[in-house]
Amino acid sequence: MMRRALRLLPSDSRAAAAAEFALILPMMFALIFTTFEGGNYLLAEHRVLKSAREGARFAGRLSYSAYDCTSGTVVGNFQTTPTVISNVDAIRNVMRFGNPEGTGTPRFTARQGDVFAVTVDCPSSSDTTTYHNNGIFRERGNVPRVLVNARVTYNSILGTLGFDTSGAVVRGQAQAAVMGV
């Protein structure tokens, strides 16, 4: 009786597919979640970079009078003291909401530690190698350059499943010369 059962065992493959599926299931879940998390991160990074680009573009189109390049100490070729920006809230609103008024649905959920920073540097008039002495900036002189930084807390898919992703952030940066359009 036992010999007969042992002879039939190698030819019985009724549950082979289910057993193989059970063996690869943990690795399959790991690959699926890794793919989803990677796609989610790339989408979040794209949104932050797009936000920074739009903020820098908006800041670059503001009037020259919105920036003060007359004060500050010159170190190397750039002033290090932050200049006065009259429309910094409008620039941040463009980055966060997509419009200068700050109305509508925000692009990012507001979290503690999110940063939308706007800094300006002004080349000194003695610097002859940078953009401000060439092309459309030749007659203007001392043209400000705006640097926009965004640091947003990353909303991880794995974080919603209980994994610790508390320190994950997405960063974006863009720079534009002020055109005064």
N, C-alpha and C. Protein backbone atom coordinates (compact mmCIF):
# COMPACT_ATOMS: atom_id res chain seq x y z
N MET A 1 0.82 -1.18 0.00
CA MET A 1 0.00 0.00 0.00
C MET A 1 0.88 1.26 0.00
N MET A 2 1.89 1.26 0.85
CA MET A 2 2.79 2.41 0.95
C MET A 2 3.59 2.59 -0.33
N ARG A 3 4.01 1.48 -0.92
CA ARG A 3 4.78 1.56 -2.15
C ARG A 3 3.94 2.14 -3.28
N ARG A 4 2.71 1.79 -3.32
CA ARG A 4 1.83 2.29 -4.36
C ARG A 4 1.66 3.81 -4.23
N ALA A 5 1.51 4.32 -3.02
CA ALA A 5 1.37 5.76 -2.79
C ALA A 5 2.65 6.50 -3.15
N LEU A 6 3.79 5.90 -2.84
CA LEU A 6 5.06 6.55 -3.16
C LEU A 6 5.30 6.59 -4.67
N ARG A 7 4.81 5.58 -5.40
CA ARG A 7 4.97 5.59 -6.85
C ARG A 7 4.08 6.66 -7.50
N LEU A 8 2.94 6.93 -6.94
CA LEU A 8 2.03 7.92 -7.51
C LEU A 8 2.45 9.36 -7.18
N LEU A 9 3.22 9.54 -6.11
CA LEU A 9 3.59 10.87 -5.64
C LEU A 9 4.33 11.70 -6.69
N PRO A 10 5.38 11.21 -7.35
CA PRO A 10 6.07 12.04 -8.33
C PRO A 10 5.20 12.44 -9.53
N SER A 11 4.21 11.67 -9.87
CA SER A 11 3.38 12.00 -11.03
C SER A 11 2.19 12.89 -10.68
N ASP A 12 1.95 13.13 -9.39
CA ASP A 12 0.82 13.96 -8.97
C ASP A 12 1.27 15.42 -8.92
N SER A 13 0.76 16.27 -9.82
CA SER A 13 1.16 17.68 -9.87
C SER A 13 -0.04 18.61 -9.74
N ARG A 14 -1.04 18.19 -9.00
CA ARG A 14 -2.25 18.99 -8.89
C ARG A 14 -2.04 20.32 -8.17
N ALA A 15 -1.18 20.41 -7.20
CA ALA A 15 -0.99 21.65 -6.42
C ALA A 15 0.38 22.28 -6.66
N ALA A 16 1.06 21.89 -7.70
CA ALA A 16 2.41 22.41 -7.95
C ALA A 16 2.39 23.91 -8.23
N ALA A 17 1.45 24.37 -9.01
CA ALA A 17 1.38 25.80 -9.34
C ALA A 17 1.08 26.63 -8.10
N ALA A 18 0.19 26.15 -7.25
CA ALA A 18 -0.14 26.87 -6.02
C ALA A 18 1.06 26.92 -5.08
N ALA A 19 1.81 25.84 -5.00
CA ALA A 19 2.98 25.81 -4.13
C ALA A 19 4.07 26.76 -4.65
N GLU A 20 4.27 26.77 -5.95
CA GLU A 20 5.27 27.68 -6.52
C GLU A 20 4.85 29.14 -6.34
N PHE A 21 3.56 29.41 -6.50
CA PHE A 21 3.06 30.77 -6.29
C PHE A 21 3.27 31.20 -4.84
N ALA A 22 3.02 30.31 -3.90
CA ALA A 22 3.21 30.63 -2.48
C ALA A 22 4.68 30.90 -2.18
N LEU A 23 5.58 30.24 -2.89
CA LEU A 23 7.00 30.46 -2.66
C LEU A 23 7.48 31.81 -3.20
N ILE A 24 6.93 32.25 -4.33
CA ILE A 24 7.40 33.52 -4.90
C ILE A 24 6.60 34.72 -4.42
N LEU A 25 5.51 34.51 -3.71
CA LEU A 25 4.63 35.60 -3.28
C LEU A 25 5.35 36.69 -2.48
N PRO A 26 6.18 36.37 -1.49
CA PRO A 26 6.87 37.45 -0.76
C PRO A 26 7.78 38.30 -1.66
N MET A 27 8.50 37.66 -2.56
CA MET A 27 9.37 38.42 -3.45
C MET A 27 8.54 39.25 -4.43
N MET A 28 7.43 38.71 -4.89
CA MET A 28 6.57 39.44 -5.81
C MET A 28 6.00 40.69 -5.13
N PHE A 29 5.56 40.57 -3.88
CA PHE A 29 5.05 41.74 -3.16
C PHE A 29 6.15 42.79 -2.97
N ALA A 30 7.35 42.34 -2.66
CA ALA A 30 8.46 43.28 -2.48
C ALA A 30 8.74 44.03 -3.79
N LEU A 31 8.74 43.34 -4.91
CA LEU A 31 8.98 43.99 -6.20
C LEU A 31 7.84 44.94 -6.57
N ILE A 32 6.61 44.54 -6.30
CA ILE A 32 5.47 45.40 -6.63
C ILE A 32 5.51 46.67 -5.79
N PHE A 33 5.72 46.54 -4.48
CA PHE A 33 5.75 47.73 -3.63
C PHE A 33 6.95 48.62 -3.93
N THR A 34 8.08 48.02 -4.28
CA THR A 34 9.24 48.82 -4.66
C THR A 34 8.95 49.62 -5.93
N THR A 35 8.30 48.99 -6.89
CA THR A 35 7.94 49.68 -8.12
C THR A 35 6.96 50.81 -7.85
N PHE A 36 5.93 50.55 -7.05
CA PHE A 36 4.96 51.59 -6.70
C PHE A 36 5.62 52.74 -5.95
N GLU A 37 6.49 52.42 -5.00
CA GLU A 37 7.16 53.46 -4.22
C GLU A 37 8.09 54.29 -5.10
N GLY A 38 8.81 53.63 -6.00
CA GLY A 38 9.67 54.37 -6.93
C GLY A 38 8.89 55.31 -7.83
N GLY A 39 7.77 54.83 -8.35
CA GLY A 39 6.92 55.68 -9.18
C GLY A 39 6.34 56.84 -8.39
N ASN A 40 5.93 56.58 -7.16
CA ASN A 40 5.39 57.64 -6.30
C ASN A 40 6.46 58.69 -6.01
N TYR A 41 7.69 58.26 -5.75
CA TYR A 41 8.78 59.20 -5.48
C TYR A 41 9.08 60.06 -6.72
N LEU A 42 9.13 59.43 -7.89
CA LEU A 42 9.40 60.19 -9.11
C LEU A 42 8.30 61.20 -9.39
N LEU A 43 7.05 60.84 -9.12
CA LEU A 43 5.94 61.78 -9.29
C LEU A 43 6.07 62.94 -8.32
N ALA A 44 6.39 62.65 -7.06
CA ALA A 44 6.56 63.71 -6.06
C ALA A 44 7.73 64.62 -6.42
N GLU A 45 8.83 64.04 -6.87
CA GLU A 45 9.99 64.85 -7.26
C GLU A 45 9.66 65.73 -8.46
N HIS A 46 8.93 65.19 -9.41
CA HIS A 46 8.52 65.98 -10.58
C HIS A 46 7.66 67.17 -10.15
N ARG A 47 6.73 66.95 -9.23
CA ARG A 47 5.86 68.03 -8.77
C ARG A 47 6.66 69.11 -8.04
N VAL A 48 7.64 68.71 -7.23
CA VAL A 48 8.45 69.69 -6.50
C VAL A 48 9.34 70.47 -7.46
N LEU A 49 9.97 69.79 -8.41
CA LEU A 49 10.82 70.49 -9.38
C LEU A 49 10.00 71.43 -10.26
N LYS A 50 8.82 71.00 -10.66
CA LYS A 50 7.95 71.86 -11.45
C LYS A 50 7.55 73.09 -10.65
N SER A 51 7.27 72.89 -9.38
CA SER A 51 6.91 74.01 -8.49
C SER A 51 8.06 75.00 -8.37
N ALA A 52 9.28 74.49 -8.19
CA ALA A 52 10.45 75.38 -8.07
C ALA A 52 10.70 76.12 -9.38
N ARG A 53 10.55 75.44 -10.51
CA ARG A 53 10.73 76.10 -11.81
C ARG A 53 9.73 77.22 -12.01
N GLU A 54 8.47 76.96 -11.67
CA GLU A 54 7.44 77.98 -11.84
C GLU A 54 7.68 79.16 -10.90
N GLY A 55 8.14 78.89 -9.68
CA GLY A 55 8.45 79.97 -8.75
C GLY A 55 9.60 80.83 -9.25
N ALA A 56 10.65 80.19 -9.77
CA ALA A 56 11.79 80.95 -10.30
C ALA A 56 11.39 81.73 -11.55
N ARG A 57 10.58 81.13 -12.39
CA ARG A 57 10.12 81.82 -13.60
C ARG A 57 9.28 83.05 -13.23
N PHE A 58 8.39 82.89 -12.25
CA PHE A 58 7.57 84.02 -11.81
C PHE A 58 8.45 85.11 -11.20
N ALA A 59 9.41 84.72 -10.36
CA ALA A 59 10.30 85.70 -9.73
C ALA A 59 11.17 86.41 -10.76
N GLY A 60 11.58 85.71 -11.80
CA GLY A 60 12.39 86.32 -12.85
C GLY A 60 11.64 87.31 -13.71
N ARG A 61 10.33 87.24 -13.72
CA ARG A 61 9.54 88.15 -14.53
C ARG A 61 9.03 89.36 -13.74
N LEU A 62 9.33 89.41 -12.46
CA LEU A 62 8.94 90.58 -11.67
C LEU A 62 9.78 91.78 -12.09
N SER A 63 9.30 92.94 -11.77
CA SER A 63 10.00 94.18 -12.11
C SER A 63 11.32 94.27 -11.34
N TYR A 64 12.27 94.99 -11.90
CA TYR A 64 13.54 95.22 -11.21
C TYR A 64 13.33 95.93 -9.88
N SER A 65 12.28 96.72 -9.78
CA SER A 65 12.03 97.46 -8.54
C SER A 65 11.64 96.55 -7.38
N ALA A 66 11.30 95.29 -7.66
CA ALA A 66 10.95 94.36 -6.59
C ALA A 66 12.18 93.86 -5.85
N TYR A 67 13.37 94.14 -6.37
CA TYR A 67 14.62 93.66 -5.78
C TYR A 67 15.51 94.84 -5.44
N ASP A 68 16.23 94.70 -4.36
CA ASP A 68 17.14 95.76 -3.93
C ASP A 68 18.56 95.22 -3.99
N CYS A 69 19.32 95.64 -4.97
CA CYS A 69 20.70 95.20 -5.12
C CYS A 69 21.69 96.29 -4.74
N THR A 70 21.23 97.28 -4.00
CA THR A 70 22.13 98.38 -3.64
C THR A 70 22.82 98.15 -2.31
N SER A 71 22.29 97.27 -1.47
CA SER A 71 22.91 97.04 -0.15
C SER A 71 23.57 95.68 -0.13
N GLY A 72 24.37 95.45 0.89
CA GLY A 72 25.01 94.16 1.04
C GLY A 72 26.51 94.26 0.87
N THR A 73 27.19 93.28 1.40
CA THR A 73 28.64 93.24 1.29
C THR A 73 29.03 92.30 0.16
N VAL A 74 30.02 92.70 -0.60
CA VAL A 74 30.45 91.90 -1.74
C VAL A 74 31.54 90.94 -1.29
N VAL A 75 31.29 89.65 -1.50
CA VAL A 75 32.29 88.62 -1.24
C VAL A 75 32.51 87.89 -2.55
N GLY A 76 33.72 87.92 -3.05
CA GLY A 76 33.94 87.37 -4.38
C GLY A 76 33.24 88.27 -5.38
N ASN A 77 32.29 87.73 -6.09
CA ASN A 77 31.56 88.52 -7.07
C ASN A 77 30.09 88.70 -6.71
N PHE A 78 29.68 88.25 -5.53
CA PHE A 78 28.27 88.31 -5.19
C PHE A 78 28.04 88.91 -3.83
N GLN A 79 26.95 89.65 -3.70
CA GLN A 79 26.58 90.20 -2.41
C GLN A 79 26.03 89.08 -1.53
N THR A 80 26.41 89.07 -0.27
CA THR A 80 25.99 87.99 0.61
C THR A 80 24.81 88.36 1.48
N THR A 81 24.58 89.64 1.69
CA THR A 81 23.43 90.04 2.49
C THR A 81 22.17 89.84 1.67
N PRO A 82 21.16 89.17 2.25
CA PRO A 82 19.93 88.97 1.47
C PRO A 82 19.31 90.31 1.09
N THR A 83 18.85 90.40 -0.12
CA THR A 83 18.24 91.62 -0.59
C THR A 83 16.75 91.61 -0.27
N VAL A 84 16.16 92.77 -0.33
CA VAL A 84 14.75 92.91 -0.04
C VAL A 84 13.95 92.46 -1.25
N ILE A 85 13.02 91.55 -1.03
CA ILE A 85 12.14 91.10 -2.08
C ILE A 85 10.73 91.48 -1.66
N SER A 86 10.09 92.33 -2.43
CA SER A 86 8.77 92.80 -2.02
C SER A 86 7.68 91.77 -2.27
N ASN A 87 7.90 90.84 -3.17
CA ASN A 87 6.84 89.89 -3.54
C ASN A 87 7.17 88.46 -3.12
N VAL A 88 7.86 88.27 -2.01
CA VAL A 88 8.28 86.92 -1.63
C VAL A 88 7.08 86.03 -1.34
N ASP A 89 6.01 86.57 -0.76
CA ASP A 89 4.83 85.75 -0.50
C ASP A 89 4.15 85.32 -1.80
N ALA A 90 4.14 86.19 -2.79
CA ALA A 90 3.56 85.83 -4.08
C ALA A 90 4.37 84.72 -4.75
N ILE A 91 5.69 84.77 -4.63
CA ILE A 91 6.55 83.73 -5.20
C ILE A 91 6.28 82.41 -4.50
N ARG A 92 6.18 82.42 -3.19
CA ARG A 92 5.88 81.19 -2.44
C ARG A 92 4.49 80.66 -2.79
N ASN A 93 3.53 81.56 -2.99
CA ASN A 93 2.19 81.11 -3.38
C ASN A 93 2.20 80.45 -4.75
N VAL A 94 3.00 80.98 -5.67
CA VAL A 94 3.11 80.35 -6.99
C VAL A 94 3.68 78.95 -6.84
N MET A 95 4.66 78.80 -5.97
CA MET A 95 5.26 77.48 -5.76
C MET A 95 4.28 76.51 -5.10
N ARG A 96 3.53 77.00 -4.15
CA ARG A 96 2.65 76.11 -3.37
C ARG A 96 1.29 75.90 -4.01
N PHE A 97 0.69 76.95 -4.58
CA PHE A 97 -0.67 76.87 -5.11
C PHE A 97 -0.74 76.95 -6.63
N GLY A 98 0.30 77.51 -7.27
CA GLY A 98 0.26 77.68 -8.71
C GLY A 98 -0.23 79.05 -9.15
N ASN A 99 -0.55 79.93 -8.19
CA ASN A 99 -0.97 81.29 -8.53
C ASN A 99 -0.49 82.25 -7.46
N PRO A 100 -0.28 83.52 -7.79
CA PRO A 100 0.28 84.48 -6.83
C PRO A 100 -0.65 84.81 -5.67
N GLU A 101 -1.95 84.60 -5.85
CA GLU A 101 -2.91 84.94 -4.80
C GLU A 101 -2.93 83.90 -3.68
N GLY A 102 -2.50 82.69 -3.95
CA GLY A 102 -2.51 81.63 -2.94
C GLY A 102 -3.89 81.02 -2.75
N THR A 103 -4.67 80.99 -3.80
CA THR A 103 -6.01 80.42 -3.73
C THR A 103 -6.03 79.08 -4.45
N GLY A 104 -7.02 78.29 -4.14
CA GLY A 104 -7.18 77.00 -4.79
C GLY A 104 -6.59 75.88 -3.96
N THR A 105 -6.46 74.75 -4.59
CA THR A 105 -5.96 73.56 -3.92
C THR A 105 -4.43 73.59 -3.90
N PRO A 106 -3.82 73.40 -2.72
CA PRO A 106 -2.35 73.38 -2.69
C PRO A 106 -1.81 72.12 -3.38
N ARG A 107 -0.64 72.27 -3.97
CA ARG A 107 0.00 71.14 -4.65
C ARG A 107 0.54 70.11 -3.67
N PHE A 108 0.85 70.57 -2.47
CA PHE A 108 1.44 69.71 -1.46
C PHE A 108 0.64 69.85 -0.17
N THR A 109 0.52 68.77 0.57
CA THR A 109 -0.12 68.87 1.88
C THR A 109 0.85 69.57 2.82
N ALA A 110 0.33 70.53 3.56
CA ALA A 110 1.18 71.32 4.46
C ALA A 110 1.64 70.45 5.62
N ARG A 111 2.92 70.40 5.83
CA ARG A 111 3.49 69.63 6.93
C ARG A 111 4.52 70.48 7.65
N GLN A 112 4.77 70.13 8.89
CA GLN A 112 5.80 70.80 9.67
C GLN A 112 7.15 70.57 9.00
N GLY A 113 7.89 71.62 8.77
CA GLY A 113 9.22 71.50 8.19
C GLY A 113 9.29 71.71 6.69
N ASP A 114 8.14 71.89 6.02
CA ASP A 114 8.18 72.20 4.59
C ASP A 114 8.75 73.59 4.39
N VAL A 115 9.64 73.74 3.42
CA VAL A 115 10.32 75.01 3.20
C VAL A 115 10.17 75.41 1.74
N PHE A 116 9.76 76.65 1.54
CA PHE A 116 9.74 77.27 0.21
C PHE A 116 10.56 78.55 0.34
N ALA A 117 11.85 78.47 0.03
CA ALA A 117 12.76 79.58 0.26
C ALA A 117 13.08 80.30 -1.04
N VAL A 118 13.20 81.61 -0.92
CA VAL A 118 13.56 82.46 -2.06
C VAL A 118 14.75 83.29 -1.65
N THR A 119 15.86 83.18 -2.37
CA THR A 119 17.04 83.99 -2.09
C THR A 119 17.46 84.70 -3.37
N VAL A 120 18.09 85.83 -3.18
CA VAL A 120 18.53 86.65 -4.31
C VAL A 120 20.00 86.96 -4.13
N ASP A 121 20.77 86.86 -5.20
CA ASP A 121 22.14 87.37 -5.15
C ASP A 121 22.33 88.32 -6.32
N CYS A 122 23.17 89.30 -6.08
CA CYS A 122 23.42 90.34 -7.07
C CYS A 122 24.91 90.36 -7.40
N PRO A 123 25.27 90.14 -8.65
CA PRO A 123 26.68 90.19 -9.01
C PRO A 123 27.23 91.60 -8.84
N SER A 124 28.48 91.69 -8.46
CA SER A 124 29.08 93.02 -8.33
C SER A 124 29.37 93.58 -9.71
N SER A 125 29.44 94.88 -9.79
CA SER A 125 29.68 95.51 -11.09
C SER A 125 31.11 95.28 -11.58
N SER A 126 32.00 94.82 -10.71
CA SER A 126 33.38 94.58 -11.14
C SER A 126 33.54 93.21 -11.80
N ASP A 127 32.53 92.36 -11.69
CA ASP A 127 32.62 91.03 -12.29
C ASP A 127 32.33 91.14 -13.78
N THR A 128 33.27 90.74 -14.61
CA THR A 128 33.09 90.86 -16.06
C THR A 128 32.83 89.52 -16.73
N THR A 129 32.68 88.46 -15.95
CA THR A 129 32.55 87.13 -16.56
C THR A 129 31.14 86.59 -16.53
N THR A 130 30.24 87.14 -15.74
CA THR A 130 28.91 86.56 -15.61
C THR A 130 27.94 87.14 -16.61
N TYR A 131 26.76 86.63 -16.58
CA TYR A 131 25.72 86.97 -17.55
C TYR A 131 25.35 88.44 -17.55
N HIS A 132 25.48 89.14 -16.44
CA HIS A 132 24.91 90.49 -16.35
C HIS A 132 25.67 91.53 -17.17
N ASN A 133 26.83 91.20 -17.69
CA ASN A 133 27.55 92.12 -18.56
C ASN A 133 27.42 91.74 -20.03
N ASN A 134 26.55 90.79 -20.34
CA ASN A 134 26.42 90.29 -21.70
C ASN A 134 24.97 90.33 -22.15
N GLY A 135 24.75 90.31 -23.44
CA GLY A 135 23.42 90.16 -24.01
C GLY A 135 22.44 91.23 -23.56
N ILE A 136 21.25 90.81 -23.20
CA ILE A 136 20.19 91.76 -22.84
C ILE A 136 20.46 92.48 -21.54
N PHE A 137 21.39 91.99 -20.73
CA PHE A 137 21.68 92.61 -19.44
C PHE A 137 22.82 93.62 -19.51
N ARG A 138 23.42 93.83 -20.68
CA ARG A 138 24.59 94.69 -20.82
C ARG A 138 24.31 96.12 -20.36
N GLU A 139 23.19 96.67 -20.74
CA GLU A 139 22.86 98.05 -20.39
C GLU A 139 22.33 98.19 -18.97
N ARG A 140 21.82 97.14 -18.42
CA ARG A 140 21.17 97.21 -17.10
C ARG A 140 22.20 97.22 -15.97
N GLY A 141 23.12 96.28 -15.95
CA GLY A 141 24.13 96.20 -14.89
C GLY A 141 23.54 95.77 -13.56
N ASN A 142 24.28 95.02 -12.79
CA ASN A 142 23.90 94.58 -11.45
C ASN A 142 22.51 93.96 -11.42
N VAL A 143 22.28 93.03 -12.29
CA VAL A 143 20.97 92.37 -12.40
C VAL A 143 20.87 91.25 -11.36
N PRO A 144 19.79 91.24 -10.58
CA PRO A 144 19.65 90.19 -9.57
C PRO A 144 19.37 88.82 -10.18
N ARG A 145 19.75 87.81 -9.43
CA ARG A 145 19.51 86.42 -9.81
C ARG A 145 18.75 85.77 -8.66
N VAL A 146 17.66 85.10 -8.97
CA VAL A 146 16.77 84.53 -7.95
C VAL A 146 17.00 83.02 -7.89
N LEU A 147 17.18 82.51 -6.68
CA LEU A 147 17.31 81.07 -6.44
C LEU A 147 16.13 80.64 -5.58
N VAL A 148 15.39 79.67 -6.06
CA VAL A 148 14.20 79.19 -5.36
C VAL A 148 14.45 77.75 -4.93
N ASN A 149 14.22 77.48 -3.64
CA ASN A 149 14.38 76.14 -3.09
C ASN A 149 13.06 75.66 -2.52
N ALA A 150 12.76 74.40 -2.74
CA ALA A 150 11.57 73.79 -2.15
C ALA A 150 12.00 72.50 -1.48
N ARG A 151 11.58 72.33 -0.24
CA ARG A 151 11.81 71.07 0.48
C ARG A 151 10.47 70.66 1.07
N VAL A 152 9.95 69.55 0.60
CA VAL A 152 8.62 69.09 0.97
C VAL A 152 8.73 67.70 1.58
N THR A 153 7.96 67.46 2.62
CA THR A 153 7.91 66.14 3.24
C THR A 153 7.35 65.14 2.25
N TYR A 154 8.03 64.01 2.12
CA TYR A 154 7.63 62.99 1.16
C TYR A 154 6.53 62.12 1.75
N ASN A 155 5.41 62.01 1.04
CA ASN A 155 4.30 61.15 1.45
C ASN A 155 4.53 59.76 0.87
N SER A 156 5.11 58.90 1.67
CA SER A 156 5.49 57.57 1.22
C SER A 156 4.31 56.60 1.26
N ILE A 157 4.24 55.73 0.28
CA ILE A 157 3.23 54.66 0.30
C ILE A 157 3.56 53.69 1.43
N LEU A 158 4.84 53.37 1.58
CA LEU A 158 5.23 52.45 2.64
C LEU A 158 5.01 53.06 4.02
N GLY A 159 5.02 54.39 4.11
CA GLY A 159 4.74 55.04 5.39
C GLY A 159 3.31 54.81 5.84
N THR A 160 2.39 54.71 4.89
CA THR A 160 1.00 54.44 5.25
C THR A 160 0.81 52.99 5.68
N LEU A 161 1.75 52.12 5.34
CA LEU A 161 1.67 50.72 5.74
C LEU A 161 2.36 50.45 7.07
N GLY A 162 2.89 51.51 7.71
CA GLY A 162 3.49 51.34 9.02
C GLY A 162 5.00 51.44 9.07
N PHE A 163 5.66 51.59 7.95
CA PHE A 163 7.11 51.73 7.94
C PHE A 163 7.48 53.16 8.32
N ASP A 164 8.64 53.32 8.96
CA ASP A 164 9.07 54.65 9.40
C ASP A 164 9.73 55.39 8.24
N THR A 165 9.03 56.39 7.74
CA THR A 165 9.57 57.24 6.67
C THR A 165 9.50 58.70 7.10
N SER A 166 9.66 58.95 8.38
CA SER A 166 9.44 60.29 8.93
C SER A 166 10.46 61.32 8.44
N GLY A 167 11.64 60.92 8.09
CA GLY A 167 12.66 61.89 7.67
C GLY A 167 12.79 62.07 6.17
N ALA A 168 11.92 61.44 5.41
CA ALA A 168 12.03 61.50 3.95
C ALA A 168 11.50 62.83 3.42
N VAL A 169 12.32 63.50 2.62
CA VAL A 169 11.92 64.77 2.01
C VAL A 169 12.25 64.73 0.52
N VAL A 170 11.58 65.57 -0.22
CA VAL A 170 11.85 65.75 -1.65
C VAL A 170 12.29 67.20 -1.83
N ARG A 171 13.38 67.39 -2.55
CA ARG A 171 13.92 68.74 -2.74
C ARG A 171 13.89 69.13 -4.21
N GLY A 172 13.69 70.42 -4.42
CA GLY A 172 13.73 70.96 -5.77
C GLY A 172 14.37 72.34 -5.74
N GLN A 173 15.06 72.69 -6.80
CA GLN A 173 15.76 73.97 -6.84
C GLN A 173 15.75 74.49 -8.28
N ALA A 174 15.55 75.79 -8.41
CA ALA A 174 15.59 76.42 -9.73
C ALA A 174 16.13 77.83 -9.58
N GLN A 175 16.75 78.32 -10.64
CA GLN A 175 17.35 79.65 -10.60
C GLN A 175 16.98 80.39 -11.88
N ALA A 176 16.80 81.70 -11.74
CA ALA A 176 16.47 82.52 -12.91
C ALA A 176 17.05 83.91 -12.73
N ALA A 177 17.48 84.49 -13.83
CA ALA A 177 17.91 85.89 -13.82
C ALA A 177 16.66 86.75 -13.94
N VAL A 178 16.64 87.85 -13.20
CA VAL A 178 15.49 88.75 -13.25
C VAL A 178 15.51 89.48 -14.58
N MET A 179 14.40 89.38 -15.29
CA MET A 179 14.31 90.01 -16.61
C MET A 179 13.52 91.30 -16.56
N GLY A 180 12.75 91.50 -15.50
CA GLY A 180 11.99 92.73 -15.36
C GLY A 180 10.94 92.92 -16.43
N VAL A 181 10.34 91.84 -16.88
CA VAL A 181 9.34 91.90 -17.95
C VAL A 181 8.04 92.45 -17.42
